[in-house]
């Protein structure tokens, strides 16, 4: 049942031009510009880590977070969520099926841009840590999307409710990339997506002790837990006016 929901949702995404552009063209276009300008980051404190951090956050925010919130708000407004709950599918299975396509699309996009950047440069110092940072970032943005849906009345309203986290996450990634991970590291790590951005930059550049990287897992896990708690409190399956 979950696979059937996911397949149906994937068809909906490919048929909706605005959603498809938002989920793929804009994040990939932003990433392409960052890759093309790679030589200009050499003098930044984080070097190519700047491009890595901003690309990953941009894809997760624009491609996954916004798409997930818009999708769930739209399916709730049309009573599709309510109808799905009358089937044999569990609540977890329903959400998994609806969110699997944007998650997979975003994961593929992150993989593509990182492989391209690694191919034309020296590549990441720690590929496994970079993969871990990508998984944590996608999980965090997915949890934040579920939390945001609870305060989003419609897909049109999602254009407003997703702005703070979307712009905040991208702005934070640029700030960290421009100023480095040594300046105000605790403040940057405690902000949403700040720890994952630092982790991805550290993974690409190398040279950061393992214990410091492991500590960056804690703020991210805390934000995931907080977002899921908010989801439990605010998420609803039917429209509320």
Protein backbone atom coordinates (compact mmCIF):
# COMPACT_ATOMS: atom_id res chain seq x y z
CA UNK A 1 0.00 0.00 0.00
CA UNK A 2 2.82 2.40 0.88
CA UNK A 3 4.51 1.74 -2.47
CA UNK A 4 1.24 2.40 -4.29
CA UNK A 5 0.84 5.73 -2.50
CA UNK A 6 4.44 6.66 -3.29
CA UNK A 7 4.05 5.78 -6.98
CA UNK A 8 0.86 7.82 -7.21
CA UNK A 9 2.51 10.77 -5.46
CA UNK A 10 5.49 10.64 -7.83
CA UNK A 11 3.09 10.91 -10.78
CA UNK A 12 1.44 13.92 -9.15
CA UNK A 13 4.80 15.66 -8.72
CA UNK A 14 5.84 15.07 -12.34
CA UNK A 15 2.50 16.36 -13.60
CA UNK A 16 2.57 19.54 -11.51
CA UNK A 17 4.98 21.88 -13.28
CA UNK A 18 5.37 24.36 -10.43
CA UNK A 19 6.08 21.64 -7.86
CA UNK A 20 8.47 19.87 -10.22
CA UNK A 21 10.41 23.07 -10.88
CA UNK A 22 10.55 23.87 -7.18
CA UNK A 23 11.71 20.36 -6.30
CA UNK A 24 14.32 19.95 -9.03
CA UNK A 25 15.15 22.86 -11.34
CA UNK A 26 15.65 25.57 -8.70
CA UNK A 27 17.85 23.50 -6.34
CA UNK A 28 19.92 22.07 -9.20
CA UNK A 29 20.22 25.48 -10.84
CA UNK A 30 21.48 27.00 -7.60
CA UNK A 31 23.95 24.15 -7.20
CA UNK A 32 25.20 24.56 -10.77
CA UNK A 33 25.93 28.25 -10.14
CA UNK A 34 27.81 27.39 -6.94
CA UNK A 35 29.88 24.75 -8.74
CA UNK A 36 30.69 27.10 -11.61
CA UNK A 37 31.94 29.68 -9.12
CA UNK A 38 34.12 27.21 -7.23
CA UNK A 39 37.38 29.05 -7.92
CA UNK A 40 36.11 32.14 -6.10
CA UNK A 41 35.76 30.22 -2.82
CA UNK A 42 39.44 29.38 -2.50
CA UNK A 43 40.05 32.38 -0.22
CA UNK A 44 37.02 31.72 1.98
CA UNK A 45 37.71 30.31 5.49
CA UNK A 46 35.89 27.12 4.48
CA UNK A 47 37.12 26.97 0.87
CA UNK A 48 35.01 24.63 -1.25
CA UNK A 49 33.17 23.72 1.93
CA UNK A 50 31.16 26.89 1.33
CA UNK A 51 29.71 25.46 -1.88
CA UNK A 52 29.12 22.06 -0.28
CA UNK A 53 27.22 23.47 2.69
CA UNK A 54 25.07 25.88 0.69
CA UNK A 55 24.29 23.31 -2.03
CA UNK A 56 23.18 20.63 0.40
CA UNK A 57 21.02 23.00 2.45
CA UNK A 58 19.49 24.59 -0.66
CA UNK A 59 18.46 21.22 -2.05
CA UNK A 60 17.09 20.02 1.30
CA UNK A 61 15.22 23.27 1.94
CA UNK A 62 13.87 24.05 -1.54
CA UNK A 63 13.60 20.54 -2.93
CA UNK A 64 12.46 18.58 0.12
CA UNK A 65 11.15 20.86 2.86
CA UNK A 66 8.99 23.16 0.75
CA UNK A 67 7.76 20.33 -1.47
CA UNK A 68 6.84 18.14 1.52
CA UNK A 69 4.90 20.89 3.28
CA UNK A 70 3.07 21.90 0.09
CA UNK A 71 2.27 18.28 -0.76
CA UNK A 72 0.81 17.37 2.62
CA UNK A 73 -1.16 20.63 2.85
CA UNK A 74 -2.63 20.02 -0.61
CA UNK A 75 -3.52 16.39 0.09
CA UNK A 76 -5.20 17.40 3.36
CA UNK A 77 -7.16 20.20 1.72
CA UNK A 78 -8.59 17.85 -0.92
CA UNK A 79 -9.48 15.34 1.84
CA UNK A 80 -7.08 12.83 0.28
CA UNK A 81 -5.41 12.25 3.65
CA UNK A 82 -8.79 11.53 5.22
CA UNK A 83 -9.66 9.05 2.48
CA UNK A 84 -6.33 7.27 2.84
CA UNK A 85 -6.97 6.77 6.56
CA UNK A 86 -10.09 4.80 5.67
CA UNK A 87 -7.91 2.24 3.86
CA UNK A 88 -5.77 -0.51 5.34
CA UNK A 89 -2.69 1.73 5.30
CA UNK A 90 -1.33 2.86 8.67
CA UNK A 91 -0.70 6.52 9.46
CA UNK A 92 3.04 5.92 9.21
CA UNK A 93 2.59 4.10 5.91
CA UNK A 94 0.53 6.96 4.49
CA UNK A 95 3.07 9.61 5.41
CA UNK A 96 5.94 7.43 4.21
CA UNK A 97 4.28 6.91 0.84
CA UNK A 98 3.51 10.61 0.36
CA UNK A 99 6.95 11.82 1.44
CA UNK A 100 9.10 9.11 -0.14
CA UNK A 101 9.21 10.74 -3.63
CA UNK A 102 10.52 14.17 -2.50
CA UNK A 103 12.97 12.45 -0.14
CA UNK A 104 14.34 10.23 -2.91
CA UNK A 105 14.46 13.13 -5.39
CA UNK A 106 16.39 15.28 -2.92
CA UNK A 107 18.78 12.44 -2.03
CA UNK A 108 19.52 11.86 -5.71
CA UNK A 109 20.11 15.58 -6.29
CA UNK A 110 22.50 15.84 -3.32
CA UNK A 111 24.38 12.80 -4.59
CA UNK A 112 24.64 14.21 -8.11
CA UNK A 113 25.98 17.64 -7.13
CA UNK A 114 28.48 16.18 -4.65
CA UNK A 115 29.74 13.63 -7.18
CA UNK A 116 30.11 16.35 -9.82
CA UNK A 117 32.00 18.62 -7.42
CA UNK A 118 34.20 15.73 -6.27
CA UNK A 119 34.91 14.77 -9.90
CA UNK A 120 36.14 18.22 -10.89
CA UNK A 121 38.03 18.86 -7.62
CA UNK A 122 40.03 16.79 -5.15
CA UNK A 123 36.88 15.42 -3.52
CA UNK A 124 35.87 15.19 0.16
CA UNK A 125 38.37 14.33 2.87
CA UNK A 126 35.84 12.06 4.62
CA UNK A 127 33.14 10.67 2.26
CA UNK A 128 31.42 8.62 4.99
CA UNK A 129 31.06 11.64 7.26
CA UNK A 130 29.75 13.64 4.32
CA UNK A 131 27.15 10.95 3.64
CA UNK A 132 26.16 10.99 7.32
CA UNK A 133 25.72 14.76 7.25
CA UNK A 134 23.49 14.43 4.17
CA UNK A 135 21.31 11.79 5.85
CA UNK A 136 20.98 13.91 9.00
CA UNK A 137 20.12 17.02 6.99
CA UNK A 138 17.43 15.25 4.98
CA UNK A 139 15.97 13.70 8.15
CA UNK A 140 15.94 17.07 9.90
CA UNK A 141 14.26 18.89 7.02
CA UNK A 142 11.69 16.12 6.76
CA UNK A 143 10.91 16.42 10.48
CA UNK A 144 10.68 20.21 10.18
CA UNK A 145 8.32 19.79 7.23
CA UNK A 146 5.98 17.59 9.26
CA UNK A 147 6.02 20.16 12.05
CA UNK A 148 5.31 23.03 9.64
CA UNK A 149 2.32 21.27 8.09
CA UNK A 150 0.52 21.56 11.41
CA UNK A 151 0.46 25.36 11.12
CA UNK A 152 -0.16 25.45 7.36
CA UNK A 153 -3.79 25.82 6.28
CA UNK A 154 -3.38 25.29 2.54
CA UNK A 155 -0.75 24.79 -0.18
CA UNK A 156 -0.94 28.54 -0.87
CA UNK A 157 -0.33 29.26 2.80
CA UNK A 158 2.74 27.01 2.62
CA UNK A 159 4.47 29.73 0.59
CA UNK A 160 4.42 31.81 3.78
CA UNK A 161 4.91 29.22 6.51
CA UNK A 162 7.97 27.69 4.85
CA UNK A 163 9.79 31.00 4.34
CA UNK A 164 11.38 31.35 7.82
CA UNK A 165 13.07 27.95 7.82
CA UNK A 166 13.93 28.00 4.11
CA UNK A 167 15.56 31.43 4.12
CA UNK A 168 16.99 30.90 7.59
CA UNK A 169 18.64 27.60 6.69
CA UNK A 170 20.17 28.92 3.45
CA UNK A 171 21.27 32.14 5.14
CA UNK A 172 22.83 30.18 8.00
CA UNK A 173 24.72 27.94 5.57
CA UNK A 174 26.11 31.00 3.77
CA UNK A 175 27.07 32.63 7.08
CA UNK A 176 28.93 29.53 8.23
CA UNK A 177 30.59 29.15 4.86
CA UNK A 178 31.71 32.77 4.74
CA UNK A 179 32.92 33.09 8.33
CA UNK A 180 34.15 29.56 9.02
CA UNK A 181 33.34 26.94 11.64
CA UNK A 182 35.77 28.28 14.25
CA UNK A 183 33.91 31.57 14.82
CA UNK A 184 30.94 31.25 17.21
CA UNK A 185 30.78 27.47 16.64
CA UNK A 186 28.31 26.84 19.50
CA UNK A 187 25.85 29.49 18.32
CA UNK A 188 25.99 28.18 14.76
CA UNK A 189 25.65 24.56 15.88
CA UNK A 190 22.59 25.23 18.04
CA UNK A 191 20.62 26.85 15.21
CA UNK A 192 18.52 24.55 12.96
CA UNK A 193 20.67 23.02 10.17
CA UNK A 194 23.74 24.77 11.59
CA UNK A 195 25.30 21.59 12.97
CA UNK A 196 24.69 19.60 9.77
CA UNK A 197 26.19 22.41 7.71
CA UNK A 198 29.30 22.47 9.90
CA UNK A 199 29.49 18.69 9.70
CA UNK A 200 29.33 18.67 5.89
CA UNK A 201 32.00 21.37 5.67
CA UNK A 202 34.24 19.48 8.10
CA UNK A 203 33.71 16.28 6.12
CA UNK A 204 34.72 17.94 2.87
CA UNK A 205 37.71 19.84 4.21
CA UNK A 206 38.96 17.37 6.83
CA UNK A 207 41.24 18.23 9.73
CA UNK A 208 38.50 18.36 12.40
CA UNK A 209 38.86 15.90 15.33
CA UNK A 210 36.34 13.08 15.41
CA UNK A 211 35.03 14.01 18.86
CA UNK A 212 34.13 17.52 17.66
CA UNK A 213 32.26 16.10 14.69
CA UNK A 214 30.37 13.65 16.90
CA UNK A 215 29.28 16.50 19.17
CA UNK A 216 27.61 18.11 16.16
CA UNK A 217 25.19 15.18 16.04
CA UNK A 218 23.55 16.21 19.32
CA UNK A 219 21.97 19.54 18.24
CA UNK A 220 20.63 17.95 15.07
CA UNK A 221 19.09 15.02 16.94
CA UNK A 222 17.60 17.51 19.41
CA UNK A 223 15.95 19.53 16.63
CA UNK A 224 14.61 16.34 15.03
CA UNK A 225 13.08 15.27 18.35
CA UNK A 226 11.58 18.73 18.93
CA UNK A 227 10.10 18.82 15.42
CA UNK A 228 8.55 15.38 15.82
CA UNK A 229 7.08 16.40 19.18
CA UNK A 230 5.53 19.47 17.58
CA UNK A 231 4.20 17.26 14.79
CA UNK A 232 2.50 15.02 17.32
CA UNK A 233 0.81 18.04 18.89
CA UNK A 234 -0.16 20.07 15.81
CA UNK A 235 -0.53 17.66 12.87
CA UNK A 236 -4.10 17.06 11.70
CA UNK A 237 -5.51 14.93 8.92
CA UNK A 238 -8.49 17.09 7.94
CA UNK A 239 -8.77 20.77 6.96
CA UNK A 240 -9.30 23.25 9.77
CA UNK A 241 -10.75 26.66 9.02
